[in-house]
Amino acid sequence: MFRSRIVTLMAALALALVAGAEVTAMAASADTGRTSPGNEAARAVVDINSAGVGELETLPGIGPALAKRIVQFRDEHGAFKSVEELLVVKGIGPRLLEKLRSRIRVGRTKGSR
């Protein structure tokens, strides 16, 4: 009898944990209207002609080394004229460019027309 109560109690606890996880997941998916400061930065559009290494690192798939290569390329060759020019930077291929496309833009710089 004692053993059956323990089993019942453990089963109830397991169900409560599963139900709690489902409620948490539902609440998280329903929270699409609110953004925290971190989420806003993660969704911000980045100007690849003016962004520094830190800002570039906020983009998906861009780590410190690749961010440095983007800035270095820009410094050596001038402002990007299109987002497609990122393909010239070592480490950026068509798949990564498509992943970045909605999050990047080419802004005007001094001397651009």
PDB file of N, CA and C in Angstrom:
ATOM      1  N   MET A   1       0.830  -1.186   0.000  1.00  0.00           N
ATOM      2  CA  MET A   1       0.000   0.000   0.000  1.00  0.00           C
ATOM      3  C   MET A   1       0.880   1.259   0.000  1.00  0.00           C
ATOM      4  N   PHE A   2       1.901   1.271   0.822  1.00  0.00           N
ATOM      5  CA  PHE A   2       2.804   2.411   0.880  1.00  0.00           C
ATOM      6  C   PHE A   2       3.496   2.598  -0.469  1.00  0.00           C
ATOM      7  N   ARG A   3       3.902   1.484  -1.067  1.00  0.00           N
ATOM      8  CA  ARG A   3       4.576   1.539  -2.358  1.00  0.00           C
ATOM      9  C   ARG A   3       3.645   2.089  -3.436  1.00  0.00           C
ATOM     10  N   SER A   4       2.384   1.713  -3.450  1.00  0.00           N
ATOM     11  CA  SER A   4       1.448   2.194  -4.458  1.00  0.00           C
ATOM     12  C   SER A   4       1.195   3.694  -4.293  1.00  0.00           C
ATOM     13  N   ARG A   5       1.218   4.193  -3.050  1.00  0.00           N
ATOM     14  CA  ARG A   5       1.052   5.631  -2.834  1.00  0.00           C
ATOM     15  C   ARG A   5       2.268   6.396  -3.365  1.00  0.00           C
ATOM     16  N   ILE A   6       3.444   5.848  -3.178  1.00  0.00           N
ATOM     17  CA  ILE A   6       4.645   6.496  -3.688  1.00  0.00           C
ATOM     18  C   ILE A   6       4.617   6.536  -5.214  1.00  0.00           C
ATOM     19  N   VAL A   7       4.217   5.425  -5.810  1.00  0.00           N
ATOM     20  CA  VAL A   7       4.129   5.372  -7.271  1.00  0.00           C
ATOM     21  C   VAL A   7       3.092   6.382  -7.765  1.00  0.00           C
ATOM     22  N   THR A   8       1.959   6.461  -7.114  1.00  0.00           N
ATOM     23  CA  THR A   8       0.911   7.405  -7.495  1.00  0.00           C
ATOM     24  C   THR A   8       1.403   8.836  -7.335  1.00  0.00           C
ATOM     25  N   LEU A   9       2.088   9.107  -6.232  1.00  0.00           N
ATOM     26  CA  LEU A   9       2.624  10.437  -5.983  1.00  0.00           C
ATOM     27  C   LEU A   9       3.667  10.811  -7.035  1.00  0.00           C
ATOM     28  N   MET A  10       4.538   9.864  -7.388  1.00  0.00           N
ATOM     29  CA  MET A  10       5.555  10.127  -8.400  1.00  0.00           C
ATOM     30  C   MET A  10       4.913  10.367  -9.770  1.00  0.00           C
ATOM     31  N   ALA A  11       3.878   9.618 -10.093  1.00  0.00           N
ATOM     32  CA  ALA A  11       3.179   9.801 -11.362  1.00  0.00           C
ATOM     33  C   ALA A  11       2.516  11.176 -11.403  1.00  0.00           C
ATOM     34  N   ALA A  12       1.911  11.587 -10.305  1.00  0.00           N
ATOM     35  CA  ALA A  12       1.271  12.897 -10.241  1.00  0.00           C
ATOM     36  C   ALA A  12       2.305  14.009 -10.382  1.00  0.00           C
ATOM     37  N   LEU A  13       3.448  13.828  -9.750  1.00  0.00           N
ATOM     38  CA  LEU A  13       4.523  14.814  -9.852  1.00  0.00           C
ATOM     39  C   LEU A  13       5.034  14.911 -11.292  1.00  0.00           C
ATOM     40  N   ALA A  14       5.206  13.778 -11.940  1.00  0.00           N
ATOM     41  CA  ALA A  14       5.663  13.770 -13.330  1.00  0.00           C
ATOM     42  C   ALA A  14       4.661  14.481 -14.236  1.00  0.00           C
ATOM     43  N   LEU A  15       3.371  14.236 -14.032  1.00  0.00           N
ATOM     44  CA  LEU A  15       2.344  14.911 -14.829  1.00  0.00           C
ATOM     45  C   LEU A  15       2.369  16.413 -14.590  1.00  0.00           C
ATOM     46  N   ALA A  16       2.564  16.809 -13.332  1.00  0.00           N
ATOM     47  CA  ALA A  16       2.616  18.231 -13.012  1.00  0.00           C
ATOM     48  C   ALA A  16       3.803  18.896 -13.694  1.00  0.00           C
ATOM     49  N   LEU A  17       4.936  18.213 -13.712  1.00  0.00           N
ATOM     50  CA  LEU A  17       6.114  18.772 -14.375  1.00  0.00           C
ATOM     51  C   LEU A  17       5.890  18.918 -15.874  1.00  0.00           C
ATOM     52  N   VAL A  18       5.294  17.904 -16.490  1.00  0.00           N
ATOM     53  CA  VAL A  18       5.014  17.962 -17.925  1.00  0.00           C
ATOM     54  C   VAL A  18       4.014  19.075 -18.217  1.00  0.00           C
ATOM     55  N   ALA A  19       2.973  19.165 -17.415  1.00  0.00           N
ATOM     56  CA  ALA A  19       1.966  20.209 -17.614  1.00  0.00           C
ATOM     57  C   ALA A  19       2.581  21.585 -17.436  1.00  0.00           C
ATOM     58  N   GLY A  20       3.456  21.727 -16.465  1.00  0.00           N
ATOM     59  CA  GLY A  20       4.127  23.000 -16.244  1.00  0.00           C
ATOM     60  C   GLY A  20       4.993  23.392 -17.420  1.00  0.00           C
ATOM     61  N   ALA A  21       5.686  22.424 -17.995  1.00  0.00           N
ATOM     62  CA  ALA A  21       6.532  22.693 -19.159  1.00  0.00           C
ATOM     63  C   ALA A  21       5.681  23.116 -20.346  1.00  0.00           C
ATOM     64  N   GLU A  22       4.513  22.484 -20.524  1.00  0.00           N
ATOM     65  CA  GLU A  22       3.633  22.840 -21.631  1.00  0.00           C
ATOM     66  C   GLU A  22       3.087  24.248 -21.456  1.00  0.00           C
ATOM     67  N   VAL A  23       2.718  24.603 -20.230  1.00  0.00           N
ATOM     68  CA  VAL A  23       2.208  25.951 -19.970  1.00  0.00           C
ATOM     69  C   VAL A  23       3.294  26.977 -20.231  1.00  0.00           C
ATOM     70  N   THR A  24       4.511  26.694 -19.818  1.00  0.00           N
ATOM     71  CA  THR A  24       5.627  27.603 -20.058  1.00  0.00           C
ATOM     72  C   THR A  24       5.871  27.775 -21.551  1.00  0.00           C
ATOM     73  N   ALA A  25       5.830  26.679 -22.293  1.00  0.00           N
ATOM     74  CA  ALA A  25       6.041  26.741 -23.737  1.00  0.00           C
ATOM     75  C   ALA A  25       4.928  27.530 -24.418  1.00  0.00           C
ATOM     76  N   MET A  26       3.685  27.334 -23.973  1.00  0.00           N
ATOM     77  CA  MET A  26       2.560  28.063 -24.553  1.00  0.00           C
ATOM     78  C   MET A  26       2.682  29.546 -24.247  1.00  0.00           C
ATOM     79  N   ALA A  27       3.080  29.884 -23.041  1.00  0.00           N
ATOM     80  CA  ALA A  27       3.236  31.286 -22.671  1.00  0.00           C
ATOM     81  C   ALA A  27       4.346  31.931 -23.488  1.00  0.00           C
ATOM     82  N   ALA A  28       5.411  31.209 -23.711  1.00  0.00           N
ATOM     83  CA  ALA A  28       6.526  31.753 -24.489  1.00  0.00           C
ATOM     84  C   ALA A  28       6.117  31.993 -25.935  1.00  0.00           C
ATOM     85  N   SER A  29       5.346  31.086 -26.517  1.00  0.00           N
ATOM     86  CA  SER A  29       4.936  31.270 -27.903  1.00  0.00           C
ATOM     87  C   SER A  29       3.867  32.346 -28.035  1.00  0.00           C
ATOM     88  N   ALA A  30       3.098  32.592 -26.985  1.00  0.00           N
ATOM     89  CA  ALA A  30       2.075  33.634 -27.020  1.00  0.00           C
ATOM     90  C   ALA A  30       2.669  35.011 -26.796  1.00  0.00           C
ATOM     91  N   ASP A  31       3.903  35.080 -26.372  1.00  0.00           N
ATOM     92  CA  ASP A  31       4.542  36.341 -26.032  1.00  0.00           C
ATOM     93  C   ASP A  31       5.253  36.957 -27.223  1.00  0.00           C
ATOM     94  N   THR A  32       4.668  36.835 -28.402  1.00  0.00           N
ATOM     95  CA  THR A  32       5.327  37.337 -29.607  1.00  0.00           C
ATOM     96  C   THR A  32       5.192  38.838 -29.759  1.00  0.00           C
ATOM     97  N   GLY A  33       4.268  39.444 -29.088  1.00  0.00           N
ATOM     98  CA  GLY A  33       4.068  40.878 -29.218  1.00  0.00           C
ATOM     99  C   GLY A  33       5.035  41.705 -28.407  1.00  0.00           C
ATOM    100  N   ARG A  34       5.629  41.155 -27.383  1.00  0.00           N
ATOM    101  CA  ARG A  34       6.529  41.920 -26.527  1.00  0.00           C
ATOM    102  C   ARG A  34       7.970  41.605 -26.894  1.00  0.00           C
ATOM    103  N   THR A  35       8.795  42.628 -26.828  1.00  0.00           N
ATOM    104  CA  THR A  35      10.209  42.406 -27.091  1.00  0.00           C
ATOM    105  C   THR A  35      11.020  42.981 -25.953  1.00  0.00           C
ATOM    106  N   SER A  36      12.040  42.284 -25.598  1.00  0.00           N
ATOM    107  CA  SER A  36      12.960  42.790 -24.594  1.00  0.00           C
ATOM    108  C   SER A  36      14.069  43.525 -25.326  1.00  0.00           C
ATOM    109  N   PRO A  37      14.845  44.337 -24.626  1.00  0.00           N
ATOM    110  CA  PRO A  37      15.927  45.051 -25.306  1.00  0.00           C
ATOM    111  C   PRO A  37      16.864  44.118 -26.068  1.00  0.00           C
ATOM    112  N   GLY A  38      17.147  42.959 -25.528  1.00  0.00           N
ATOM    113  CA  GLY A  38      18.010  42.000 -26.220  1.00  0.00           C
ATOM    114  C   GLY A  38      17.391  41.503 -27.507  1.00  0.00           C
ATOM    115  N   ASN A  39      16.070  41.267 -27.493  1.00  0.00           N
ATOM    116  CA  ASN A  39      15.387  40.803 -28.696  1.00  0.00           C
ATOM    117  C   ASN A  39      15.352  41.884 -29.762  1.00  0.00           C
ATOM    118  N   GLU A  40      15.204  43.140 -29.349  1.00  0.00           N
ATOM    119  CA  GLU A  40      15.189  44.231 -30.319  1.00  0.00           C
ATOM    120  C   GLU A  40      16.518  44.313 -31.038  1.00  0.00           C
ATOM    121  N   ALA A  41      17.602  44.183 -30.299  1.00  0.00           N
ATOM    122  CA  ALA A  41      18.935  44.227 -30.916  1.00  0.00           C
ATOM    123  C   ALA A  41      19.117  43.053 -31.859  1.00  0.00           C
ATOM    124  N   ALA A  42      18.561  41.901 -31.496  1.00  0.00           N
ATOM    125  CA  ALA A  42      18.706  40.707 -32.326  1.00  0.00           C
ATOM    126  C   ALA A  42      17.926  40.834 -33.630  1.00  0.00           C
ATOM    127  N   ARG A  43      16.931  41.709 -33.682  1.00  0.00           N
ATOM    128  CA  ARG A  43      16.108  41.871 -34.883  1.00  0.00           C
ATOM    129  C   ARG A  43      16.439  43.136 -35.661  1.00  0.00           C
ATOM    130  N   ALA A  44      17.287  43.978 -35.126  1.00  0.00           N
ATOM    131  CA  ALA A  44      17.595  45.250 -35.764  1.00  0.00           C
ATOM    132  C   ALA A  44      18.298  45.033 -37.101  1.00  0.00           C
ATOM    133  N   VAL A  45      18.022  45.925 -38.033  1.00  0.00           N
ATOM    134  CA  VAL A  45      18.687  45.888 -39.327  1.00  0.00           C
ATOM    135  C   VAL A  45      20.025  46.595 -39.176  1.00  0.00           C
ATOM    136  N   VAL A  46      21.076  45.964 -39.669  1.00  0.00           N
ATOM    137  CA  VAL A  46      22.435  46.463 -39.510  1.00  0.00           C
ATOM    138  C   VAL A  46      22.933  47.013 -40.844  1.00  0.00           C
ATOM    139  N   ASP A  47      23.463  48.226 -40.800  1.00  0.00           N
ATOM    140  CA  ASP A  47      24.067  48.847 -41.970  1.00  0.00           C
ATOM    141  C   ASP A  47      25.503  48.338 -42.076  1.00  0.00           C
ATOM    142  N   ILE A  48      25.771  47.536 -43.079  1.00  0.00           N
ATOM    143  CA  ILE A  48      27.099  46.924 -43.190  1.00  0.00           C
ATOM    144  C   ILE A  48      28.177  47.932 -43.574  1.00  0.00           C
ATOM    145  N   ASN A  49      27.788  49.144 -43.950  1.00  0.00           N
ATOM    146  CA  ASN A  49      28.783  50.170 -44.268  1.00  0.00           C
ATOM    147  C   ASN A  49      29.196  50.993 -43.060  1.00  0.00           C
ATOM    148  N   SER A  50      28.460  50.915 -41.974  1.00  0.00           N
ATOM    149  CA  SER A  50      28.825  51.711 -40.809  1.00  0.00           C
ATOM    150  C   SER A  50      28.969  50.872 -39.540  1.00  0.00           C
ATOM    151  N   ALA A  51      28.541  49.634 -39.572  1.00  0.00           N
ATOM    152  CA  ALA A  51      28.567  48.790 -38.366  1.00  0.00           C
ATOM    153  C   ALA A  51      29.992  48.420 -37.990  1.00  0.00           C
ATOM    154  N   GLY A  52      30.229  48.406 -36.694  1.00  0.00           N
ATOM    155  CA  GLY A  52      31.502  47.930 -36.181  1.00  0.00           C
ATOM    156  C   GLY A  52      31.446  46.432 -35.950  1.00  0.00           C
ATOM    157  N   VAL A  53      32.529  45.892 -35.473  1.00  0.00           N
ATOM    158  CA  VAL A  53      32.630  44.449 -35.234  1.00  0.00           C
ATOM    159  C   VAL A  53      31.530  43.984 -34.278  1.00  0.00           C
ATOM    160  N   GLY A  54      31.337  44.703 -33.184  1.00  0.00           N
ATOM    161  CA  GLY A  54      30.337  44.296 -32.191  1.00  0.00           C
ATOM    162  C   GLY A  54      28.939  44.241 -32.748  1.00  0.00           C
ATOM    163  N   GLU A  55      28.570  45.224 -33.538  1.00  0.00           N
ATOM    164  CA  GLU A  55      27.227  45.245 -34.127  1.00  0.00           C
ATOM    165  C   GLU A  55      27.074  44.130 -35.152  1.00  0.00           C
ATOM    166  N   LEU A  56      28.104  43.886 -35.944  1.00  0.00           N
ATOM    167  CA  LEU A  56      28.037  42.803 -36.925  1.00  0.00           C
ATOM    168  C   LEU A  56      27.873  41.448 -36.248  1.00  0.00           C
ATOM    169  N   GLU A  57      28.468  41.292 -35.071  1.00  0.00           N
ATOM    170  CA  GLU A  57      28.360  40.026 -34.343  1.00  0.00           C
ATOM    171  C   GLU A  57      26.941  39.727 -33.875  1.00  0.00           C
ATOM    172  N   THR A  58      26.059  40.713 -33.868  1.00  0.00           N
ATOM    173  CA  THR A  58      24.664  40.467 -33.482  1.00  0.00           C
ATOM    174  C   THR A  58      23.895  39.749 -34.578  1.00  0.00           C
ATOM    175  N   LEU A  59      24.478  39.681 -35.757  1.00  0.00           N
ATOM    176  CA  LEU A  59      23.811  39.024 -36.885  1.00  0.00           C
ATOM    177  C   LEU A  59      23.968  37.510 -36.787  1.00  0.00           C
ATOM    178  N   PRO A  60      22.950  36.768 -37.234  1.00  0.00           N
ATOM    179  CA  PRO A  60      23.039  35.306 -37.179  1.00  0.00           C
ATOM    180  C   PRO A  60      24.145  34.779 -38.083  1.00  0.00           C
ATOM    181  N   GLY A  61      24.985  33.915 -37.533  1.00  0.00           N
ATOM    182  CA  GLY A  61      26.049  33.296 -38.308  1.00  0.00           C
ATOM    183  C   GLY A  61      27.316  34.129 -38.410  1.00  0.00           C
ATOM    184  N   ILE A  62      27.338  35.300 -37.774  1.00  0.00           N
ATOM    185  CA  ILE A  62      28.518  36.164 -37.817  1.00  0.00           C
ATOM    186  C   ILE A  62      29.180  36.162 -36.442  1.00  0.00           C
ATOM    187  N   GLY A  63      30.360  35.585 -36.390  1.00  0.00           N
ATOM    188  CA  GLY A  63      31.133  35.572 -35.156  1.00  0.00           C
ATOM    189  C   GLY A  63      32.208  36.634 -35.202  1.00  0.00           C
ATOM    190  N   PRO A  64      33.056  36.683 -34.182  1.00  0.00           N
ATOM    191  CA  PRO A  64      34.093  37.723 -34.112  1.00  0.00           C
ATOM    192  C   PRO A  64      35.038  37.739 -35.313  1.00  0.00           C
ATOM    193  N   ALA A  65      35.499  36.582 -35.749  1.00  0.00           N
ATOM    194  CA  ALA A  65      36.454  36.529 -36.858  1.00  0.00           C
ATOM    195  C   ALA A  65      35.820  37.014 -38.160  1.00  0.00           C
ATOM    196  N   LEU A  66      34.612  36.586 -38.440  1.00  0.00           N
ATOM    197  CA  LEU A  66      33.945  36.990 -39.677  1.00  0.00           C
ATOM    198  C   LEU A  66      33.578  38.470 -39.631  1.00  0.00           C
ATOM    199  N   ALA A  67      33.165  38.954 -38.481  1.00  0.00           N
ATOM    200  CA  ALA A  67      32.861  40.382 -38.336  1.00  0.00           C
ATOM    201  C   ALA A  67      34.111  41.215 -38.617  1.00  0.00           C
ATOM    202  N   LYS A  68      35.248  40.775 -38.111  1.00  0.00           N
ATOM    203  CA  LYS A  68      36.515  41.490 -38.356  1.00  0.00           C
ATOM    204  C   LYS A  68      36.865  41.477 -39.848  1.00  0.00           C
ATOM    205  N   ARG A  69      36.614  40.347 -40.524  1.00  0.00           N
ATOM    206  CA  ARG A  69      36.906  40.269 -41.960  1.00  0.00           C
ATOM    207  C   ARG A  69      36.018  41.219 -42.758  1.00  0.00           C
ATOM    208  N   ILE A  70      34.757  41.356 -42.342  1.00  0.00           N
ATOM    209  CA  ILE A  70      33.840  42.274 -43.036  1.00  0.00           C
ATOM    210  C   ILE A  70      34.341  43.707 -42.898  1.00  0.00           C
ATOM    211  N   VAL A  71      34.693  44.104 -41.684  1.00  0.00           N
ATOM    212  CA  VAL A  71      35.192  45.462 -41.451  1.00  0.00           C
ATOM    213  C   VAL A  71      36.506  45.681 -42.196  1.00  0.00           C
ATOM    214  N   GLN A  72      37.388  44.710 -42.155  1.00  0.00           N
ATOM    215  CA  GLN A  72      38.679  44.826 -42.841  1.00  0.00           C
ATOM    216  C   GLN A  72      38.477  44.977 -44.346  1.00  0.00           C
ATOM    217  N   PHE A  73      37.572  44.159 -44.907  1.00  0.00           N
ATOM    218  CA  PHE A  73      37.295  44.253 -46.343  1.00  0.00           C
ATOM    219  C   PHE A  73      36.764  45.644 -46.682  1.00  0.00           C
ATOM    220  N   ARG A  74      35.852  46.145 -45.887  1.00  0.00           N
ATOM    221  CA  ARG A  74      35.269  47.472 -46.110  1.00  0.00           C
ATOM    222  C   ARG A  74      36.345  48.563 -46.015  1.00  0.00           C
ATOM    223  N   ASP A  75      37.224  48.422 -45.034  1.00  0.00           N
ATOM    224  CA  ASP A  75      38.306  49.404 -44.875  1.00  0.00           C
ATOM    225  C   ASP A  75      39.260  49.391 -46.065  1.00  0.00           C
ATOM    226  N   GLU A  76      39.545  48.219 -46.593  1.00  0.00           N
ATOM    227  CA  GLU A  76      40.504  48.093 -47.698  1.00  0.00           C
ATOM    228  C   GLU A  76      39.908  48.426 -49.062  1.00  0.00           C
ATOM    229  N   HIS A  77      38.604  48.136 -49.253  1.00  0.00           N
ATOM    230  CA  HIS A  77      37.998  48.263 -50.580  1.00  0.00           C
ATOM    231  C   HIS A  77      36.921  49.336 -50.677  1.00  0.00           C
ATOM    232  N   GLY A  78      36.618  49.980 -49.585  1.00  0.00           N
ATOM    233  CA  GLY A  78      35.575  51.009 -49.598  1.00  0.00           C
ATOM    234  C   GLY A  78      34.221  50.430 -49.247  1.00  0.00           C
ATOM    235  N   ALA A  79      33.240  51.304 -49.243  1.00  0.00           N
ATOM    236  CA  ALA A  79      31.878  50.936 -48.852  1.00  0.00           C
ATOM    237  C   ALA A  79      31.285  49.880 -49.778  1.00  0.00           C
ATOM    238  N   PHE A  80      30.448  49.036 -49.204  1.00  0.00           N
ATOM    239  CA  PHE A  80      29.718  48.054 -49.998  1.00  0.00           C
ATOM    240  C   PHE A  80      28.669  48.783 -50.824  1.00  0.00           C
ATOM    241  N   LYS A  81      28.517  48.393 -52.066  1.00  0.00           N
ATOM    242  CA  LYS A  81      27.510  48.991 -52.937  1.00  0.00           C
ATOM    243  C   LYS A  81      26.202  48.200 -52.912  1.00  0.00           C
ATOM    244  N   SER A  82      26.306  46.928 -52.534  1.00  0.00           N
ATOM    245  CA  SER A  82      25.119  46.072 -52.420  1.00  0.00           C
ATOM    246  C   SER A  82      25.403  45.000 -51.376  1.00  0.00           C
ATOM    247  N   VAL A  83      24.349  44.398 -50.851  1.00  0.00           N
ATOM    248  CA  VAL A  83      24.555  43.334 -49.867  1.00  0.00           C
ATOM    249  C   VAL A  83      25.215  42.122 -50.513  1.00  0.00           C
ATOM    250  N   GLU A  84      25.030  41.943 -51.814  1.00  0.00           N
ATOM    251  CA  GLU A  84      25.631  40.819 -52.513  1.00  0.00           C
ATOM    252  C   GLU A  84      27.156  40.873 -52.495  1.00  0.00           C
ATOM    253  N   GLU A  85      27.722  42.064 -52.327  1.00  0.00           N
ATOM    254  CA  GLU A  85      29.184  42.193 -52.259  1.00  0.00           C
ATOM    255  C   GLU A  85      29.766  41.457 -51.057  1.00  0.00           C
ATOM    256  N   LEU A  86      28.952  41.155 -50.079  1.00  0.00           N
ATOM    257  CA  LEU A  86      29.441  40.376 -48.932  1.00  0.00           C
ATOM    258  C   LEU A  86      29.952  39.008 -49.366  1.00  0.00           C
ATOM    259  N   LEU A  87      29.485  38.524 -50.505  1.00  0.00           N
ATOM    260  CA  LEU A  87      29.925  37.216 -50.993  1.00  0.00           C
ATOM    261  C   LEU A  87      31.427  37.174 -51.267  1.00  0.00           C
ATOM    262  N   VAL A  88      32.050  38.327 -51.431  1.00  0.00           N
ATOM    263  CA  VAL A  88      33.483  38.396 -51.686  1.00  0.00           C
ATOM    264  C   VAL A  88      34.271  38.177 -50.391  1.00  0.00           C
ATOM    265  N   VAL A  89      33.641  38.422 -49.259  1.00  0.00           N
ATOM    266  CA  VAL A  89      34.301  38.259 -47.969  1.00  0.00           C
ATOM    267  C   VAL A  89      34.431  36.770 -47.663  1.00  0.00           C
ATOM    268  N   LYS A  90      35.650  36.335 -47.373  1.00  0.00           N
ATOM    269  CA  LYS A  90      35.904  34.931 -47.069  1.00  0.00           C
ATOM    270  C   LYS A  90      35.033  34.495 -45.884  1.00  0.00           C
ATOM    271  N   GLY A  91      34.292  33.414 -46.090  1.00  0.00           N
ATOM    272  CA  GLY A  91      33.437  32.876 -45.037  1.00  0.00           C
ATOM    273  C   GLY A  91      31.964  33.165 -45.245  1.00  0.00           C
ATOM    274  N   ILE A  92      31.644  34.008 -46.202  1.00  0.00           N
ATOM    275  CA  ILE A  92      30.238  34.311 -46.493  1.00  0.00           C
ATOM    276  C   ILE A  92      29.886  33.709 -47.840  1.00  0.00           C
ATOM    277  N   GLY A  93      28.965  32.765 -47.799  1.00  0.00           N
ATOM    278  CA  GLY A  93      28.490  32.124 -49.014  1.00  0.00           C
ATOM    279  C   GLY A  93      27.034  32.472 -49.259  1.00  0.00           C
ATOM    280  N   PRO A  94      26.463  31.961 -50.324  1.00  0.00           N
ATOM    281  CA  PRO A  94      25.074  32.269 -50.672  1.00  0.00           C
ATOM    282  C   PRO A  94      24.072  31.918 -49.567  1.00  0.00           C
ATOM    283  N   ARG A  95      24.303  30.808 -48.887  1.00  0.00           N
ATOM    284  CA  ARG A  95      23.365  30.400 -47.844  1.00  0.00           C
ATOM    285  C   ARG A  95      23.376  31.378 -46.667  1.00  0.00           C
ATOM    286  N   LEU A  96      24.558  31.775 -46.225  1.00  0.00           N
ATOM    287  CA  LEU A  96      24.652  32.733 -45.124  1.00  0.00           C
ATOM    288  C   LEU A  96      24.107  34.093 -45.545  1.00  0.00           C
ATOM    289  N   LEU A  97      24.390  34.494 -46.780  1.00  0.00           N
ATOM    290  CA  LEU A  97      23.869  35.773 -47.263  1.00  0.00           C
ATOM    291  C   LEU A  97      22.347  35.789 -47.219  1.00  0.00           C
ATOM    292  N   GLU A  98      21.720  34.713 -47.637  1.00  0.00           N
ATOM    293  CA  GLU A  98      20.251  34.648 -47.593  1.00  0.00           C
ATOM    294  C   GLU A  98      19.737  34.714 -46.155  1.00  0.00           C
ATOM    295  N   LYS A  99      20.471  34.111 -45.239  1.00  0.00           N
ATOM    296  CA  LYS A  99      20.109  34.153 -43.819  1.00  0.00           C
ATOM    297  C   LYS A  99      20.200  35.585 -43.276  1.00  0.00           C
ATOM    298  N   LEU A 100      21.133  36.347 -43.811  1.00  0.00           N
ATOM    299  CA  LEU A 100      21.373  37.712 -43.350  1.00  0.00           C
ATOM    300  C   LEU A 100      20.524  38.757 -44.065  1.00  0.00           C
ATOM    301  N   ARG A 101      20.056  38.450 -45.239  1.00  0.00           N
ATOM    302  CA  ARG A 101      19.452  39.435 -46.142  1.00  0.00           C
ATOM    303  C   ARG A 101      18.402  40.329 -45.481  1.00  0.00           C
ATOM    304  N   SER A 102      17.535  39.787 -44.669  1.00  0.00           N
ATOM    305  CA  SER A 102      16.482  40.599 -44.048  1.00  0.00           C
ATOM    306  C   SER A 102      17.004  41.425 -42.879  1.00  0.00           C
ATOM    307  N   ARG A 103      18.226  41.179 -42.461  1.00  0.00           N
ATOM    308  CA  ARG A 103      18.785  41.849 -41.285  1.00  0.00           C
ATOM    309  C   ARG A 103      19.880  42.859 -41.622  1.00  0.00           C
ATOM    310  N   ILE A 104      20.225  42.974 -42.919  1.00  0.00           N
ATOM    311  CA  ILE A 104      21.300  43.889 -43.290  1.00  0.00           C
ATOM    312  C   ILE A 104      20.836  44.854 -44.370  1.00  0.00           C
ATOM    313  N   ARG A 105      21.542  45.975 -44.431  1.00  0.00           N
ATOM    314  CA  ARG A 105      21.291  46.941 -45.505  1.00  0.00           C
ATOM    315  C   ARG A 105      22.605  47.632 -45.831  1.00  0.00           C
ATOM    316  N   VAL A 106      22.626  48.279 -46.982  1.00  0.00           N
ATOM    317  CA  VAL A 106      23.784  49.045 -47.402  1.00  0.00           C
ATOM    318  C   VAL A 106      23.377  50.510 -47.318  1.00  0.00           C
ATOM    319  N   GLY A 107      23.936  51.193 -46.333  1.00  0.00           N
ATOM    320  CA  GLY A 107      23.628  52.591 -46.152  1.00  0.00           C
ATOM    321  C   GLY A 107      24.547  53.466 -46.979  1.00  0.00           C
ATOM    322  N   ARG A 108      24.126  54.686 -47.137  1.00  0.00           N
ATOM    323  CA  ARG A 108      24.948  55.661 -47.862  1.00  0.00           C
ATOM    324  C   ARG A 108      26.084  56.116 -46.968  1.00  0.00           C
ATOM    325  N   THR A 109      27.206  56.312 -47.560  1.00  0.00           N
ATOM    326  CA  THR A 109      28.366  56.815 -46.840  1.00  0.00           C
ATOM    327  C   THR A 109      28.839  58.094 -47.505  1.00  0.00           C
ATOM    328  N   LYS A 110      29.713  58.818 -46.865  1.00  0.00           N
ATOM    329  CA  LYS A 110      30.271  60.028 -47.465  1.00  0.00           C
ATOM    330  C   LYS A 110      30.900  59.669 -48.805  1.00  0.00           C
ATOM    331  N   GLY A 111      30.568  60.436 -49.790  1.00  0.00           N
ATOM    332  CA  GLY A 111      31.142  60.192 -51.109  1.00  0.00           C
ATOM    333  C   GLY A 111      30.306  59.253 -51.958  1.00  0.00           C
ATOM    334  N   SER A 112      29.297  58.567 -51.392  1.00  0.00           N
ATOM    335  CA  SER A 112      28.456  57.710 -52.225  1.00  0.00           C
ATOM    336  C   SER A 112      27.346  58.541 -52.831  1.00  0.00           C
ATOM    337  N   ARG A 113      26.877  58.137 -53.974  1.00  0.00           N
ATOM    338  CA  ARG A 113      25.848  58.924 -54.673  1.00  0.00           C
ATOM    339  C   ARG A 113      24.531  58.243 -54.642  1.00  0.00           C
TER     340      ARG A 113
END
